[in-house]
Amino acid sequence: MSKGVKKFMKLFAKNLKESRGPGRFQANGIDIVCVHCQHDLFEQGQAQLNTALLS
């Protein structure tokens, strides 16, 4: 592989990893901020809430 291709692939991989990392979110145009620590970067995730009504 040529030097230019290696450099491009390394940069592409870095940008892809960063784009999938923590991000800023909004709800109805309002920035979401943690009420505890005031940070505004969050990772998107999923959770299943098991309750008696919804299980």
Protein backbone atom coordinates (compact mmCIF):
# COMPACT_ATOMS: atom_id res chain seq x y z
CA MET A 1 0.00 0.00 0.00
CA SER A 2 1.34 3.46 -0.81
CA LYS A 3 2.11 6.03 1.87
CA GLY A 4 -0.78 8.26 0.77
CA VAL A 5 -3.31 5.42 0.97
CA LYS A 6 -2.10 4.44 4.46
CA LYS A 7 -2.37 8.05 5.64
CA PHE A 8 -5.88 8.37 4.17
CA MET A 9 -7.05 5.11 5.79
CA LYS A 10 -5.64 6.12 9.19
CA LEU A 11 -7.36 9.52 9.02
CA PHE A 12 -10.61 7.94 7.80
CA ALA A 13 -10.60 5.42 10.68
CA LYS A 14 -9.92 8.18 13.23
CA ASN A 15 -12.77 10.35 11.90
CA LEU A 16 -15.15 7.39 11.82
CA LYS A 17 -14.34 6.53 15.44
CA GLU A 18 -14.86 10.15 16.54
CA SER A 19 -18.17 10.41 14.68
CA ARG A 20 -19.51 7.43 16.61
CA GLY A 21 -18.37 8.77 19.99
CA PRO A 22 -20.07 11.14 22.42
CA GLY A 23 -22.12 13.93 20.96
CA ARG A 24 -24.36 16.86 21.79
CA PHE A 25 -28.11 16.40 21.68
CA GLN A 26 -31.17 18.61 21.53
CA ALA A 27 -34.85 18.11 22.33
CA ASN A 28 -37.29 20.58 20.77
CA GLY A 29 -34.40 22.94 20.02
CA ILE A 30 -33.14 22.94 23.64
CA ASP A 31 -29.58 21.75 24.31
CA ILE A 32 -29.43 18.77 26.66
CA VAL A 33 -27.13 19.32 29.66
CA CYS A 34 -26.51 17.03 32.63
CA VAL A 35 -28.15 18.54 35.71
CA HIS A 36 -25.51 16.92 37.93
CA CYS A 37 -22.18 17.81 36.25
CA GLN A 38 -23.25 20.37 33.58
CA HIS A 39 -21.54 18.40 30.79
CA ASP A 40 -23.16 18.42 27.37
CA LEU A 41 -21.56 15.34 25.77
CA PHE A 42 -23.50 12.09 25.88
CA GLU A 43 -23.16 8.65 24.34
CA GLN A 44 -26.24 7.30 22.65
CA GLY A 45 -27.36 3.96 24.02
CA GLN A 46 -30.30 1.68 24.58
CA ALA A 47 -31.81 0.15 27.69
CA GLN A 48 -34.66 -2.21 28.33
CA LEU A 49 -36.76 -1.26 31.31
CA ASN A 50 -38.46 -4.26 32.82
CA THR A 51 -41.60 -3.26 34.66
CA ALA A 52 -44.62 -5.28 35.68
CA LEU A 53 -46.73 -3.42 33.11
CA LEU A 54 -44.36 -3.55 30.10
CA SER A 55 -42.53 -6.89 30.50
